[in-house]
C-alpha atoms as a PDB file:
ATOM      1  CA  MET A   1     -24.482 -28.567 -30.204  1.00  0.00           C
ATOM      2  CA  LYS A   2     -22.352 -25.525 -30.857  1.00  0.00           C
ATOM      3  CA  THR A   3     -19.051 -25.024 -32.619  1.00  0.00           C
ATOM      4  CA  LEU A   4     -16.833 -22.868 -30.431  1.00  0.00           C
ATOM      5  CA  ARG A   5     -13.413 -21.271 -30.761  1.00  0.00           C
ATOM      6  CA  PHE A   6     -11.505 -20.574 -27.545  1.00  0.00           C
ATOM      7  CA  MET A   7      -8.092 -20.571 -25.909  1.00  0.00           C
ATOM      8  CA  VAL A   8      -7.322 -23.199 -23.298  1.00  0.00           C
ATOM      9  CA  SER A   9      -4.271 -24.392 -21.394  1.00  0.00           C
ATOM     10  CA  HIS A  10      -2.786 -27.794 -22.137  1.00  0.00           C
ATOM     11  CA  ALA A  11      -3.900 -29.166 -18.755  1.00  0.00           C
ATOM     12  CA  ASN A  12      -7.474 -27.875 -19.134  1.00  0.00           C
ATOM     13  CA  LEU A  13      -7.733 -29.257 -22.673  1.00  0.00           C
ATOM     14  CA  GLU A  14      -6.660 -32.670 -21.372  1.00  0.00           C
ATOM     15  CA  THR A  15      -9.250 -32.428 -18.586  1.00  0.00           C
ATOM     16  CA  LEU A  16     -12.049 -31.499 -20.997  1.00  0.00           C
ATOM     17  CA  MET A  17     -11.093 -34.369 -23.298  1.00  0.00           C
ATOM     18  CA  CYS A  18     -10.879 -36.911 -20.447  1.00  0.00           C
ATOM     19  CA  GLU A  19     -14.264 -35.808 -19.106  1.00  0.00           C
ATOM     20  CA  ARG A  20     -15.702 -36.067 -22.648  1.00  0.00           C
ATOM     21  CA  ARG A  21     -16.856 -32.426 -22.564  1.00  0.00           C
ATOM     22  CA  ILE A  22     -15.769 -31.907 -26.187  1.00  0.00           C
ATOM     23  CA  ALA A  23     -17.706 -33.876 -28.788  1.00  0.00           C
ATOM     24  CA  ARG A  24     -15.214 -33.262 -31.610  1.00  0.00           C
ATOM     25  CA  LEU A  25     -12.035 -31.268 -32.159  1.00  0.00           C
ATOM     26  CA  PHE A  26     -11.886 -29.595 -35.552  1.00  0.00           C
ATOM     27  CA  GLN A  27      -8.700 -27.570 -35.176  1.00  0.00           C
ATOM     28  CA  VAL A  28      -5.996 -27.157 -32.528  1.00  0.00           C
ATOM     29  CA  ASP A  29      -3.394 -24.415 -32.938  1.00  0.00           C
ATOM     30  CA  ASP A  30      -0.422 -24.475 -30.571  1.00  0.00           C
ATOM     31  CA  LEU A  31       0.262 -20.947 -29.299  1.00  0.00           C
ATOM     32  CA  GLY A  32       3.758 -21.913 -28.236  1.00  0.00           C
ATOM     33  CA  HIS A  33       5.557 -23.678 -25.431  1.00  0.00           C
ATOM     34  CA  GLU A  34       6.074 -20.420 -23.514  1.00  0.00           C
ATOM     35  CA  ARG A  35       2.349 -19.701 -23.313  1.00  0.00           C
ATOM     36  CA  ASP A  36       1.257 -23.323 -22.792  1.00  0.00           C
ATOM     37  CA  HIS A  37      -2.051 -22.594 -24.523  1.00  0.00           C
ATOM     38  CA  TYR A  38      -3.929 -23.785 -27.573  1.00  0.00           C
ATOM     39  CA  GLU A  39      -6.550 -22.091 -29.703  1.00  0.00           C
ATOM     40  CA  VAL A  40      -9.205 -24.747 -30.201  1.00  0.00           C
ATOM     41  CA  THR A  41     -12.152 -25.058 -32.556  1.00  0.00           C
ATOM     42  CA  ALA A  42     -14.462 -27.728 -31.177  1.00  0.00           C
ATOM     43  CA  LEU A  43     -17.985 -29.062 -31.255  1.00  0.00           C
ATOM     44  CA  VAL A  44     -19.534 -28.908 -27.769  1.00  0.00           C
ATOM     45  CA  ARG A  45     -22.850 -30.281 -26.568  1.00  0.00           C
ATOM     46  CA  GLN A  46     -25.199 -27.768 -24.951  1.00  0.00           C
ATOM     47  CA  GLU A  47     -25.049 -29.542 -21.561  1.00  0.00           C
ATOM     48  CA  HIS A  48     -21.239 -29.156 -21.455  1.00  0.00           C
ATOM     49  CA  LEU A  49     -21.036 -25.445 -22.344  1.00  0.00           C
ATOM     50  CA  ASP A  50     -20.641 -24.277 -18.732  1.00  0.00           C
ATOM     51  CA  ALA A  51     -17.766 -26.708 -18.101  1.00  0.00           C
ATOM     52  CA  VAL A  52     -15.975 -25.577 -21.270  1.00  0.00           C
ATOM     53  CA  ILE A  53     -16.485 -21.896 -20.400  1.00  0.00           C
ATOM     54  CA  ALA A  54     -15.084 -22.518 -16.901  1.00  0.00           C
ATOM     55  CA  LYS A  55     -11.907 -24.151 -18.278  1.00  0.00           C
ATOM     56  CA  ALA A  56     -11.327 -21.732 -21.187  1.00  0.00           C
ATOM     57  CA  ALA A  57      -8.750 -18.954 -20.884  1.00  0.00           C
ATOM     58  CA  ASP A  58     -11.064 -16.548 -22.742  1.00  0.00           C
ATOM     59  CA  ARG A  59     -14.768 -16.354 -23.494  1.00  0.00           C
ATOM     60  CA  PRO A  60     -15.562 -19.006 -26.141  1.00  0.00           C
ATOM     61  CA  ARG A  61     -16.949 -17.593 -29.388  1.00  0.00           C
ATOM     62  CA  TRP A  62     -19.659 -19.343 -31.385  1.00  0.00           C
ATOM     63  CA  ILE A  63     -18.595 -19.830 -35.007  1.00  0.00           C
ATOM     64  CA  LYS A  64     -19.821 -21.562 -38.141  1.00  0.00           C
ATOM     65  CA  TRP A  65     -17.632 -24.471 -39.225  1.00  0.00           C
ATOM     66  CA  PRO A  66     -16.204 -24.847 -41.734  1.00  0.00           C
ATOM     67  CA  GLU A  67     -15.443 -21.194 -42.121  1.00  0.00           C
ATOM     68  CA  GLY A  68     -15.950 -20.006 -45.648  1.00  0.00           C
END
């Protein structure tokens, strides 16, 4: 499993959650109604990485969580 930070639209976040592609959400920051995007920090299983990358608005970055 990897902890990733990425931007995603509201609709794509809902899709990833419904398809159980995200194992755990650690942090969700709303980037505003105008942009309709969130910056998400989430735990993702290795087998779901490609699906998350396909739905993300930017290239997901691997991070250590919690950040110190």
